[in-house]
Amino acid sequence: MKILIAGGGVAALEAAIAARKQDADCEIEILSSESLMPYRRPALSMFLRGTPVTDKSLYLKDEAFFKENNIALRLNTAVSSVAERE
């Protein structure tokens, strides 16, 4: 089975994690129009205040997590329509 998740936010990441728990062998792909890995949007307010923001405090998971869990992350890829669903 192939699971395609549109969006790169918290919900997308949690959907991918839940799918992986249900099926260790399914193909999971997250498509995000953003150029960054899924990140904590509230952390942006810290950045705007001038507080240093590290990768650990900004990103939900590091690149190794996606590789270890066999979740493909395609950044800069917007979804404009869905032709078929099952």
PDB file of N, CA and C in Angstrom:
ATOM      1  N   MET A   1       0.842  -1.171   0.000  1.00  0.00           N
ATOM      2  CA  MET A   1       0.000   0.000   0.000  1.00  0.00           C
ATOM      3  C   MET A   1       0.890   1.238   0.000  1.00  0.00           C
ATOM      4  N   LYS A   2       0.423   2.280  -0.678  1.00  0.00           N
ATOM      5  CA  LYS A   2       1.135   3.550  -0.713  1.00  0.00           C
ATOM      6  C   LYS A   2       0.253   4.614  -0.066  1.00  0.00           C
ATOM      7  N   ILE A   3       0.840   5.366   0.842  1.00  0.00           N
ATOM      8  CA  ILE A   3       0.128   6.449   1.519  1.00  0.00           C
ATOM      9  C   ILE A   3       0.800   7.759   1.144  1.00  0.00           C
ATOM     10  N   LEU A   4       0.016   8.661   0.598  1.00  0.00           N
ATOM     11  CA  LEU A   4       0.508   9.969   0.189  1.00  0.00           C
ATOM     12  C   LEU A   4      -0.147  11.009   1.087  1.00  0.00           C
ATOM     13  N   ILE A   5       0.647  11.801   1.773  1.00  0.00           N
ATOM     14  CA  ILE A   5       0.152  12.799   2.715  1.00  0.00           C
ATOM     15  C   ILE A   5       0.494  14.185   2.178  1.00  0.00           C
ATOM     16  N   ALA A   6      -0.540  15.007   2.001  1.00  0.00           N
ATOM     17  CA  ALA A   6      -0.346  16.368   1.495  1.00  0.00           C
ATOM     18  C   ALA A   6      -0.237  17.317   2.676  1.00  0.00           C
ATOM     19  N   GLY A   7       0.864  18.070   2.711  1.00  0.00           N
ATOM     20  CA  GLY A   7       1.080  19.041   3.786  1.00  0.00           C
ATOM     21  C   GLY A   7       2.260  18.626   4.635  1.00  0.00           C
ATOM     22  N   GLY A   8       2.925  19.606   5.206  1.00  0.00           N
ATOM     23  CA  GLY A   8       4.130  19.296   5.965  1.00  0.00           C
ATOM     24  C   GLY A   8       4.083  19.748   7.404  1.00  0.00           C
ATOM     25  N   GLY A   9       2.905  19.834   7.976  1.00  0.00           N
ATOM     26  CA  GLY A   9       2.783  20.294   9.358  1.00  0.00           C
ATOM     27  C   GLY A   9       2.735  19.151  10.353  1.00  0.00           C
ATOM     28  N   VAL A  10       2.328  19.486  11.566  1.00  0.00           N
ATOM     29  CA  VAL A  10       2.254  18.517  12.652  1.00  0.00           C
ATOM     30  C   VAL A  10       1.300  17.377  12.296  1.00  0.00           C
ATOM     31  N   ALA A  11       0.127  17.708  11.752  1.00  0.00           N
ATOM     32  CA  ALA A  11      -0.859  16.675  11.416  1.00  0.00           C
ATOM     33  C   ALA A  11      -0.305  15.697  10.384  1.00  0.00           C
ATOM     34  N   ALA A  12       0.416  16.196   9.406  1.00  0.00           N
ATOM     35  CA  ALA A  12       1.009  15.327   8.386  1.00  0.00           C
ATOM     36  C   ALA A  12       2.015  14.368   9.010  1.00  0.00           C
ATOM     37  N   LEU A  13       2.849  14.883   9.862  1.00  0.00           N
ATOM     38  CA  LEU A  13       3.849  14.047  10.511  1.00  0.00           C
ATOM     39  C   LEU A  13       3.184  13.003  11.400  1.00  0.00           C
ATOM     40  N   GLU A  14       2.191  13.402  12.173  1.00  0.00           N
ATOM     41  CA  GLU A  14       1.496  12.456  13.051  1.00  0.00           C
ATOM     42  C   GLU A  14       0.762  11.396  12.243  1.00  0.00           C
ATOM     43  N   ALA A  15       0.211  11.769  11.093  1.00  0.00           N
ATOM     44  CA  ALA A  15      -0.448  10.791  10.222  1.00  0.00           C
ATOM     45  C   ALA A  15       0.566   9.769   9.711  1.00  0.00           C
ATOM     46  N   ALA A  16       1.735  10.231   9.338  1.00  0.00           N
ATOM     47  CA  ALA A  16       2.785   9.331   8.860  1.00  0.00           C
ATOM     48  C   ALA A  16       3.240   8.381   9.965  1.00  0.00           C
ATOM     49  N   ILE A  17       3.399   8.896  11.169  1.00  0.00           N
ATOM     50  CA  ILE A  17       3.811   8.063  12.306  1.00  0.00           C
ATOM     51  C   ILE A  17       2.752   7.007  12.599  1.00  0.00           C
ATOM     52  N   ALA A  18       1.478   7.420  12.599  1.00  0.00           N
ATOM     53  CA  ALA A  18       0.383   6.481  12.864  1.00  0.00           C
ATOM     54  C   ALA A  18       0.312   5.410  11.777  1.00  0.00           C
ATOM     55  N   ALA A  19       0.495   5.817  10.517  1.00  0.00           N
ATOM     56  CA  ALA A  19       0.466   4.858   9.417  1.00  0.00           C
ATOM     57  C   ALA A  19       1.599   3.851   9.553  1.00  0.00           C
ATOM     58  N   ARG A  20       2.778   4.337   9.925  1.00  0.00           N
ATOM     59  CA  ARG A  20       3.923   3.435  10.071  1.00  0.00           C
ATOM     60  C   ARG A  20       3.668   2.431  11.197  1.00  0.00           C
ATOM     61  N   LYS A  21       3.028   2.852  12.270  1.00  0.00           N
ATOM     62  CA  LYS A  21       2.721   1.931  13.377  1.00  0.00           C
ATOM     63  C   LYS A  21       1.744   0.851  12.930  1.00  0.00           C
ATOM     64  N   GLN A  22       0.842   1.189  12.027  1.00  0.00           N
ATOM     65  CA  GLN A  22      -0.157   0.237  11.548  1.00  0.00           C
ATOM     66  C   GLN A  22       0.411  -0.726  10.515  1.00  0.00           C
ATOM     67  N   ASP A  23       1.349  -0.257   9.718  1.00  0.00           N
ATOM     68  CA  ASP A  23       1.885  -1.077   8.625  1.00  0.00           C
ATOM     69  C   ASP A  23       3.365  -0.766   8.440  1.00  0.00           C
ATOM     70  N   ALA A  24       4.193  -1.678   8.880  1.00  0.00           N
ATOM     71  CA  ALA A  24       5.642  -1.471   8.821  1.00  0.00           C
ATOM     72  C   ALA A  24       6.180  -1.473   7.392  1.00  0.00           C
ATOM     73  N   ASP A  25       5.407  -2.010   6.447  1.00  0.00           N
ATOM     74  CA  ASP A  25       5.905  -2.161   5.085  1.00  0.00           C
ATOM     75  C   ASP A  25       5.311  -1.201   4.067  1.00  0.00           C
ATOM     76  N   CYS A  26       4.312  -0.414   4.466  1.00  0.00           N
ATOM     77  CA  CYS A  26       3.681   0.469   3.479  1.00  0.00           C
ATOM     78  C   CYS A  26       4.645   1.586   3.059  1.00  0.00           C
ATOM     79  N   GLU A  27       4.390   2.095   1.876  1.00  0.00           N
ATOM     80  CA  GLU A  27       5.183   3.202   1.342  1.00  0.00           C
ATOM     81  C   GLU A  27       4.508   4.503   1.783  1.00  0.00           C
ATOM     82  N   ILE A  28       5.257   5.352   2.495  1.00  0.00           N
ATOM     83  CA  ILE A  28       4.705   6.610   3.003  1.00  0.00           C
ATOM     84  C   ILE A  28       5.492   7.765   2.402  1.00  0.00           C
ATOM     85  N   GLU A  29       4.754   8.731   1.874  1.00  0.00           N
ATOM     86  CA  GLU A  29       5.377   9.904   1.278  1.00  0.00           C
ATOM     87  C   GLU A  29       4.631  11.151   1.741  1.00  0.00           C
ATOM     88  N   ILE A  30       5.378  12.127   2.237  1.00  0.00           N
ATOM     89  CA  ILE A  30       4.817  13.416   2.632  1.00  0.00           C
ATOM     90  C   ILE A  30       5.223  14.443   1.589  1.00  0.00           C
ATOM     91  N   LEU A  31       4.241  15.162   1.052  1.00  0.00           N
ATOM     92  CA  LEU A  31       4.504  16.234   0.090  1.00  0.00           C
ATOM     93  C   LEU A  31       4.236  17.564   0.779  1.00  0.00           C
ATOM     94  N   SER A  32       5.198  18.458   0.734  1.00  0.00           N
ATOM     95  CA  SER A  32       5.057  19.762   1.364  1.00  0.00           C
ATOM     96  C   SER A  32       5.502  20.853   0.400  1.00  0.00           C
ATOM     97  N   SER A  33       4.714  21.899   0.317  1.00  0.00           N
ATOM     98  CA  SER A  33       5.079  23.012  -0.562  1.00  0.00           C
ATOM     99  C   SER A  33       6.203  23.856   0.044  1.00  0.00           C
ATOM    100  N   GLU A  34       6.475  23.647   1.315  1.00  0.00           N
ATOM    101  CA  GLU A  34       7.535  24.420   1.972  1.00  0.00           C
ATOM    102  C   GLU A  34       8.905  23.814   1.699  1.00  0.00           C
ATOM    103  N   SER A  35       9.933  24.600   1.938  1.00  0.00           N
ATOM    104  CA  SER A  35      11.296  24.133   1.713  1.00  0.00           C
ATOM    105  C   SER A  35      11.933  23.572   2.980  1.00  0.00           C
ATOM    106  N   LEU A  36      11.193  23.607   4.082  1.00  0.00           N
ATOM    107  CA  LEU A  36      11.707  23.126   5.364  1.00  0.00           C
ATOM    108  C   LEU A  36      11.012  21.847   5.791  1.00  0.00           C
ATOM    109  N   MET A  37      11.733  21.015   6.536  1.00  0.00           N
ATOM    110  CA  MET A  37      11.119  19.830   7.131  1.00  0.00           C
ATOM    111  C   MET A  37      10.010  20.292   8.075  1.00  0.00           C
ATOM    112  N   PRO A  38       9.076  19.395   8.434  1.00  0.00           N
ATOM    113  CA  PRO A  38       8.016  19.789   9.366  1.00  0.00           C
ATOM    114  C   PRO A  38       8.603  20.460  10.618  1.00  0.00           C
ATOM    115  N   TYR A  39       8.042  21.622  10.959  1.00  0.00           N
ATOM    116  CA  TYR A  39       8.586  22.399  12.075  1.00  0.00           C
ATOM    117  C   TYR A  39       7.473  22.890  12.992  1.00  0.00           C
ATOM    118  N   ARG A  40       7.884  23.323  14.169  1.00  0.00           N
ATOM    119  CA  ARG A  40       6.952  23.853  15.166  1.00  0.00           C
ATOM    120  C   ARG A  40       6.651  25.304  14.818  1.00  0.00           C
ATOM    121  N   ARG A  41       5.466  25.555  14.314  1.00  0.00           N
ATOM    122  CA  ARG A  41       5.116  26.920  13.945  1.00  0.00           C
ATOM    123  C   ARG A  41       5.192  27.902  15.122  1.00  0.00           C
ATOM    124  N   PRO A  42       4.781  27.502  16.348  1.00  0.00           N
ATOM    125  CA  PRO A  42       4.907  28.439  17.466  1.00  0.00           C
ATOM    126  C   PRO A  42       6.351  28.884  17.739  1.00  0.00           C
ATOM    127  N   ALA A  43       7.323  28.078  17.349  1.00  0.00           N
ATOM    128  CA  ALA A  43       8.724  28.449  17.563  1.00  0.00           C
ATOM    129  C   ALA A  43       9.111  29.673  16.740  1.00  0.00           C
ATOM    130  N   LEU A  44       8.350  29.966  15.696  1.00  0.00           N
ATOM    131  CA  LEU A  44       8.649  31.142  14.875  1.00  0.00           C
ATOM    132  C   LEU A  44       8.515  32.433  15.680  1.00  0.00           C
ATOM    133  N   SER A  45       7.584  32.457  16.648  1.00  0.00           N
ATOM    134  CA  SER A  45       7.431  33.660  17.466  1.00  0.00           C
ATOM    135  C   SER A  45       8.693  33.912  18.293  1.00  0.00           C
ATOM    136  N   MET A  46       9.373  32.843  18.713  1.00  0.00           N
ATOM    137  CA  MET A  46      10.645  33.011  19.436  1.00  0.00           C
ATOM    138  C   MET A  46      11.670  33.658  18.515  1.00  0.00           C
ATOM    139  N   PHE A  47      11.703  33.202  17.277  1.00  0.00           N
ATOM    140  CA  PHE A  47      12.632  33.747  16.294  1.00  0.00           C
ATOM    141  C   PHE A  47      12.367  35.236  16.073  1.00  0.00           C
ATOM    142  N   LEU A  48      11.099  35.604  15.954  1.00  0.00           N
ATOM    143  CA  LEU A  48      10.730  37.006  15.715  1.00  0.00           C
ATOM    144  C   LEU A  48      11.070  37.888  16.920  1.00  0.00           C
ATOM    145  N   ARG A  49      11.061  37.303  18.113  1.00  0.00           N
ATOM    146  CA  ARG A  49      11.443  38.035  19.329  1.00  0.00           C
ATOM    147  C   ARG A  49      12.944  38.213  19.433  1.00  0.00           C
ATOM    148  N   GLY A  50      13.676  37.492  18.611  1.00  0.00           N
ATOM    149  CA  GLY A  50      15.128  37.584  18.666  1.00  0.00           C
ATOM    150  C   GLY A  50      15.774  36.480  19.479  1.00  0.00           C
ATOM    151  N   THR A  51      14.970  35.547  19.970  1.00  0.00           N
ATOM    152  CA  THR A  51      15.495  34.414  20.720  1.00  0.00           C
ATOM    153  C   THR A  51      16.104  33.422  19.734  1.00  0.00           C
ATOM    154  N   PRO A  52      17.310  32.956  20.005  1.00  0.00           N
ATOM    155  CA  PRO A  52      17.921  31.980  19.097  1.00  0.00           C
ATOM    156  C   PRO A  52      17.063  30.717  18.992  1.00  0.00           C
ATOM    157  N   VAL A  53      16.877  30.245  17.790  1.00  0.00           N
ATOM    158  CA  VAL A  53      16.100  29.036  17.537  1.00  0.00           C
ATOM    159  C   VAL A  53      17.040  28.008  16.920  1.00  0.00           C
ATOM    160  N   THR A  54      17.145  26.859  17.567  1.00  0.00           N
ATOM    161  CA  THR A  54      18.011  25.793  17.063  1.00  0.00           C
ATOM    162  C   THR A  54      17.187  24.803  16.246  1.00  0.00           C
ATOM    163  N   ASP A  55      17.874  23.976  15.492  1.00  0.00           N
ATOM    164  CA  ASP A  55      17.176  22.937  14.729  1.00  0.00           C
ATOM    165  C   ASP A  55      16.331  22.065  15.662  1.00  0.00           C
ATOM    166  N   LYS A  56      16.886  21.743  16.830  1.00  0.00           N
ATOM    167  CA  LYS A  56      16.177  20.865  17.768  1.00  0.00           C
ATOM    168  C   LYS A  56      14.899  21.515  18.295  1.00  0.00           C
ATOM    169  N   SER A  57      14.910  22.817  18.503  1.00  0.00           N
ATOM    170  CA  SER A  57      13.715  23.484  19.016  1.00  0.00           C
ATOM    171  C   SER A  57      12.727  23.837  17.911  1.00  0.00           C
ATOM    172  N   LEU A  58      13.176  23.847  16.655  1.00  0.00           N
ATOM    173  CA  LEU A  58      12.303  24.219  15.547  1.00  0.00           C
ATOM    174  C   LEU A  58      11.688  22.999  14.852  1.00  0.00           C
ATOM    175  N   TYR A  59      12.522  22.060  14.455  1.00  0.00           N
ATOM    176  CA  TYR A  59      12.036  20.917  13.681  1.00  0.00           C
ATOM    177  C   TYR A  59      11.386  19.872  14.576  1.00  0.00           C
ATOM    178  N   LEU A  60      10.299  19.276  14.080  1.00  0.00           N
ATOM    179  CA  LEU A  60       9.595  18.242  14.825  1.00  0.00           C
ATOM    180  C   LEU A  60      10.427  16.972  14.919  1.00  0.00           C
ATOM    181  N   LYS A  61      11.083  16.610  13.840  1.00  0.00           N
ATOM    182  CA  LYS A  61      11.960  15.440  13.777  1.00  0.00           C
ATOM    183  C   LYS A  61      13.133  15.779  12.872  1.00  0.00           C
ATOM    184  N   ASP A  62      14.255  15.113  13.104  1.00  0.00           N
ATOM    185  CA  ASP A  62      15.410  15.361  12.250  1.00  0.00           C
ATOM    186  C   ASP A  62      15.364  14.451  11.016  1.00  0.00           C
ATOM    187  N   GLU A  63      16.283  14.687  10.104  1.00  0.00           N
ATOM    188  CA  GLU A  63      16.314  13.914   8.856  1.00  0.00           C
ATOM    189  C   GLU A  63      16.476  12.420   9.115  1.00  0.00           C
ATOM    190  N   ALA A  64      17.242  12.082  10.141  1.00  0.00           N
ATOM    191  CA  ALA A  64      17.472  10.670  10.466  1.00  0.00           C
ATOM    192  C   ALA A  64      16.159   9.961  10.793  1.00  0.00           C
ATOM    193  N   PHE A  65      15.230  10.641  11.448  1.00  0.00           N
ATOM    194  CA  PHE A  65      13.942  10.041  11.787  1.00  0.00           C
ATOM    195  C   PHE A  65      13.213   9.583  10.528  1.00  0.00           C
ATOM    196  N   PHE A  66      13.184  10.433   9.511  1.00  0.00           N
ATOM    197  CA  PHE A  66      12.488  10.089   8.277  1.00  0.00           C
ATOM    198  C   PHE A  66      13.147   8.887   7.591  1.00  0.00           C
ATOM    199  N   LYS A  67      14.468   8.847   7.600  1.00  0.00           N
ATOM    200  CA  LYS A  67      15.183   7.726   6.990  1.00  0.00           C
ATOM    201  C   LYS A  67      14.943   6.441   7.778  1.00  0.00           C
ATOM    202  N   GLU A  68      15.062   6.518   9.099  1.00  0.00           N
ATOM    203  CA  GLU A  68      14.892   5.340   9.954  1.00  0.00           C
ATOM    204  C   GLU A  68      13.486   4.758   9.852  1.00  0.00           C
ATOM    205  N   ASN A  69      12.499   5.605   9.625  1.00  0.00           N
ATOM    206  CA  ASN A  69      11.107   5.163   9.556  1.00  0.00           C
ATOM    207  C   ASN A  69      10.602   5.000   8.128  1.00  0.00           C
ATOM    208  N   ASN A  70      11.518   5.095   7.181  1.00  0.00           N
ATOM    209  CA  ASN A  70      11.200   4.917   5.770  1.00  0.00           C
ATOM    210  C   ASN A  70      10.010   5.791   5.348  1.00  0.00           C
ATOM    211  N   ILE A  71      10.108   7.067   5.673  1.00  0.00           N
ATOM    212  CA  ILE A  71       9.098   8.047   5.285  1.00  0.00           C
ATOM    213  C   ILE A  71       9.771   9.019   4.320  1.00  0.00           C
ATOM    214  N   ALA A  72       9.291   9.027   3.078  1.00  0.00           N
ATOM    215  CA  ALA A  72       9.852   9.934   2.075  1.00  0.00           C
ATOM    216  C   ALA A  72       9.273  11.325   2.301  1.00  0.00           C
ATOM    217  N   LEU A  73      10.126  12.321   2.312  1.00  0.00           N
ATOM    218  CA  LEU A  73       9.708  13.709   2.515  1.00  0.00           C
ATOM    219  C   LEU A  73      10.095  14.501   1.278  1.00  0.00           C
ATOM    220  N   ARG A  74       9.095  14.934   0.523  1.00  0.00           N
ATOM    221  CA  ARG A  74       9.351  15.704  -0.700  1.00  0.00           C
ATOM    222  C   ARG A  74       8.978  17.152  -0.441  1.00  0.00           C
ATOM    223  N   LEU A  75       9.997  17.973  -0.303  1.00  0.00           N
ATOM    224  CA  LEU A  75       9.798  19.399  -0.035  1.00  0.00           C
ATOM    225  C   LEU A  75       9.650  20.151  -1.355  1.00  0.00           C
ATOM    226  N   ASN A  76       9.169  21.380  -1.269  1.00  0.00           N
ATOM    227  CA  ASN A  76       8.958  22.220  -2.452  1.00  0.00           C
ATOM    228  C   ASN A  76       8.058  21.525  -3.479  1.00  0.00           C
ATOM    229  N   THR A  77       7.099  20.764  -2.982  1.00  0.00           N
ATOM    230  CA  THR A  77       6.197  20.017  -3.853  1.00  0.00           C
ATOM    231  C   THR A  77       4.758  20.285  -3.420  1.00  0.00           C
ATOM    232  N   ALA A  78       4.099  21.162  -4.136  1.00  0.00           N
ATOM    233  CA  ALA A  78       2.712  21.510  -3.801  1.00  0.00           C
ATOM    234  C   ALA A  78       1.753  20.497  -4.420  1.00  0.00           C
ATOM    235  N   VAL A  79       0.671  20.225  -3.713  1.00  0.00           N
ATOM    236  CA  VAL A  79      -0.389  19.358  -4.221  1.00  0.00           C
ATOM    237  C   VAL A  79      -1.531  20.266  -4.657  1.00  0.00           C
ATOM    238  N   SER A  80      -1.878  20.199  -5.927  1.00  0.00           N
ATOM    239  CA  SER A  80      -2.931  21.078  -6.440  1.00  0.00           C
ATOM    240  C   SER A  80      -4.255  20.344  -6.627  1.00  0.00           C
ATOM    241  N   SER A  81      -4.196  19.023  -6.766  1.00  0.00           N
ATOM    242  CA  SER A  81      -5.430  18.250  -6.899  1.00  0.00           C
ATOM    243  C   SER A  81      -5.137  16.782  -6.592  1.00  0.00           C
ATOM    244  N   VAL A  82      -6.195  16.054  -6.353  1.00  0.00           N
ATOM    245  CA  VAL A  82      -6.085  14.622  -6.121  1.00  0.00           C
ATOM    246  C   VAL A  82      -6.947  13.947  -7.169  1.00  0.00           C
ATOM    247  N   ALA A  83      -6.338  13.142  -8.012  1.00  0.00           N
ATOM    248  CA  ALA A  83      -7.051  12.523  -9.131  1.00  0.00           C
ATOM    249  C   ALA A  83      -7.764  11.241  -8.711  1.00  0.00           C
ATOM    250  N   GLU A  84      -7.184  10.526  -7.751  1.00  0.00           N
ATOM    251  CA  GLU A  84      -7.755   9.241  -7.388  1.00  0.00           C
ATOM    252  C   GLU A  84      -7.483   8.957  -5.912  1.00  0.00           C
ATOM    253  N   ARG A  85      -8.483   8.398  -5.249  1.00  0.00           N
ATOM    254  CA  ARG A  85      -8.299   8.013  -3.842  1.00  0.00           C
ATOM    255  C   ARG A  85      -8.861   6.606  -3.651  1.00  0.00           C
ATOM    256  N   GLU A  86      -8.242   5.907  -2.754  1.00  0.00           N
ATOM    257  CA  GLU A  86      -8.752   4.576  -2.395  1.00  0.00           C
ATOM    258  C   GLU A  86      -8.820   4.497  -0.900  1.00  0.00           C
TER     259      GLU A  86
END
